[in-house]
Protein backbone atom coordinates (compact mmCIF):
# COMPACT_ATOMS: atom_id res chain seq x y z
CA MET A 1 -5.79 42.62 -140.46
CA LEU A 2 -3.96 41.96 -143.70
CA ARG A 3 -1.50 44.39 -145.26
CA VAL A 4 -2.12 44.60 -149.01
CA GLY A 5 -0.18 46.09 -151.91
CA ASN A 6 -3.19 47.41 -153.85
CA LEU A 7 -6.34 48.17 -151.87
CA ASP A 8 -8.72 48.39 -154.83
CA ARG A 9 -7.47 45.07 -156.24
CA SER A 10 -7.91 43.40 -152.86
CA ILE A 11 -11.39 44.87 -152.33
CA GLN A 12 -12.36 43.56 -155.78
CA PHE A 13 -11.13 40.05 -154.86
CA TYR A 14 -12.89 39.89 -151.50
CA THR A 15 -16.16 41.32 -152.85
CA GLN A 16 -16.37 39.95 -156.41
CA VAL A 17 -14.58 36.61 -155.93
CA LEU A 18 -15.35 35.70 -152.31
CA GLY A 19 -18.70 37.50 -152.11
CA MET A 20 -17.98 39.70 -149.09
CA THR A 21 -19.40 43.17 -148.69
CA LEU A 22 -17.30 46.31 -148.32
CA LEU A 23 -18.58 47.54 -144.96
CA ARG A 24 -16.55 50.73 -144.63
CA ARG A 25 -13.42 52.39 -145.91
CA SER A 26 -11.29 55.18 -144.51
CA GLU A 27 -8.25 57.23 -145.52
CA ASN A 28 -5.62 58.64 -143.18
CA PRO A 29 -3.55 61.16 -145.17
CA GLU A 30 -1.57 62.29 -142.13
CA TYR A 31 -0.13 58.81 -141.57
CA LYS A 32 -0.40 57.72 -145.23
CA TYR A 33 -2.57 54.62 -145.00
CA SER A 34 -6.02 53.45 -146.08
CA LEU A 35 -8.29 50.89 -144.45
CA ALA A 36 -11.12 48.75 -145.76
CA PHE A 37 -13.34 46.48 -143.67
CA LEU A 38 -15.12 43.59 -145.38
CA GLY A 39 -17.41 40.85 -144.18
CA PHE A 40 -20.49 38.75 -144.74
CA GLU A 41 -24.03 39.68 -143.74
CA GLY A 42 -23.18 43.12 -142.40
CA GLY A 43 -20.11 42.15 -140.39
CA ASN A 44 -19.85 42.48 -136.62
CA PRO A 45 -21.38 41.44 -134.34
CA ALA A 46 -23.09 38.64 -136.32
CA GLN A 47 -20.10 37.87 -138.56
CA ALA A 48 -16.36 38.46 -138.38
CA GLU A 49 -14.72 41.18 -140.47
CA ILE A 50 -11.43 41.34 -142.34
CA GLU A 51 -9.47 44.58 -142.15
CA LEU A 52 -7.31 45.36 -145.17
CA THR A 53 -4.57 47.95 -144.64
CA TYR A 54 -2.80 49.70 -147.49
CA ASN A 55 0.30 51.66 -146.45
CA TRP A 56 0.71 54.22 -149.22
CA GLY A 57 3.62 53.45 -151.52
CA THR A 58 4.13 49.85 -150.35
CA THR A 59 3.16 47.43 -153.10
CA GLU A 60 4.20 44.10 -151.57
CA TYR A 61 5.15 42.39 -148.32
CA ASP A 62 7.15 39.32 -147.40
CA MET A 63 4.92 36.60 -145.98
CA GLY A 64 5.77 35.93 -142.35
CA THR A 65 6.29 32.37 -141.18
CA ALA A 66 3.75 32.79 -138.36
CA TYR A 67 0.84 33.45 -140.72
CA GLY A 68 -1.14 30.37 -141.72
CA HIS A 69 -4.46 31.21 -143.34
CA ILE A 70 -7.94 32.64 -142.89
CA ALA A 71 -10.77 30.10 -142.70
CA ILE A 72 -14.31 30.68 -143.96
CA GLY A 73 -17.22 28.29 -143.38
CA VAL A 74 -19.20 27.46 -146.53
CA PRO A 75 -22.26 25.27 -147.08
CA ASP A 76 -20.74 23.61 -150.20
CA ALA A 77 -16.98 23.81 -150.80
CA TYR A 78 -17.26 22.24 -154.26
CA ALA A 79 -19.78 24.85 -155.45
CA ALA A 80 -17.78 27.66 -153.79
CA CYS A 81 -14.66 26.62 -155.75
CA GLU A 82 -16.61 26.68 -159.01
CA ARG A 83 -17.95 30.19 -158.27
CA ILE A 84 -14.48 31.42 -157.28
CA LYS A 85 -12.89 30.06 -160.46
CA ALA A 86 -15.70 31.53 -162.59
CA ALA A 87 -15.03 34.93 -160.96
CA GLY A 88 -11.32 34.72 -161.81
CA GLY A 89 -10.12 33.54 -158.39
CA ASN A 90 -7.17 31.20 -157.81
CA VAL A 91 -8.18 27.84 -156.28
CA THR A 92 -4.94 26.27 -155.06
CA ARG A 93 -6.47 23.12 -153.54
CA GLU A 94 -9.69 21.78 -154.98
CA ALA A 95 -12.48 20.80 -152.62
CA GLY A 96 -12.14 17.37 -151.07
CA PRO A 97 -11.76 15.58 -147.76
CA VAL A 98 -8.93 16.65 -145.50
CA LYS A 99 -6.16 14.07 -145.23
CA GLY A 100 -7.06 11.53 -142.57
CA GLY A 101 -10.59 12.87 -142.08
CA ALA A 102 -14.00 13.48 -143.59
CA THR A 103 -14.23 17.28 -143.43
CA VAL A 104 -14.32 18.79 -146.92
CA ILE A 105 -11.93 21.71 -147.41
CA ALA A 106 -10.44 23.76 -150.23
CA PHE A 107 -7.90 26.58 -150.47
CA VAL A 108 -7.84 29.79 -152.49
CA THR A 109 -5.23 32.53 -152.64
CA ASP A 110 -5.94 36.26 -152.71
CA PRO A 111 -4.05 38.75 -154.97
CA ASP A 112 -1.38 39.31 -152.29
CA GLY A 113 -0.77 35.58 -151.77
CA TYR A 114 -2.76 35.15 -148.54
CA LYS A 115 -4.26 31.67 -148.19
CA ILE A 116 -7.96 31.27 -147.46
CA GLU A 117 -9.34 27.90 -146.41
CA LEU A 118 -12.93 27.04 -147.25
CA ILE A 119 -14.39 24.58 -144.76
CA GLN A 120 -17.62 22.84 -145.72
CA ARG A 121 -19.99 23.17 -142.80
CA SER A 122 -22.33 20.29 -142.10
CA ASP A 123 -24.35 21.85 -139.29
CA ASP A 124 -27.59 23.82 -139.51
CA HIS A 125 -25.71 27.12 -139.25
CA ALA A 126 -23.96 26.62 -142.59
CA SER A 127 -26.61 28.39 -144.65
CA GLY A 128 -25.79 31.67 -142.93
CA GLN A 129 -22.03 31.41 -143.27
CA GLY A 130 -19.61 32.68 -145.83
CA LEU A 131 -19.66 31.98 -149.54
CA ARG A 132 -22.87 30.76 -151.11
């Protein structure tokens, strides 16, 4: 779950820039929050989901030191970066091998500053994972 400062802006990023699908959305007026669940290929149980929480009236949060990043497997990190940039997304580390290794990674940042690592998958399962 990620707390976001503008739910519509975040939904737009995760759907239009990262290519996820909005799976469901709910409002809780009594406790003044909204939820949105996004994922790839229909979400659970086949794929993980991200829960975005908007607490009404809160537009930003301080990043905690325990949070690192979300990781998404992609078949081609180079192509994913090009699609993300073309959609207006912020690529903060271009695709390339990880330091000291051969795995190709990249990083993007969502509108609230959360880091998302793209990991190029080399196995046969890559075609069904994440960004295309």
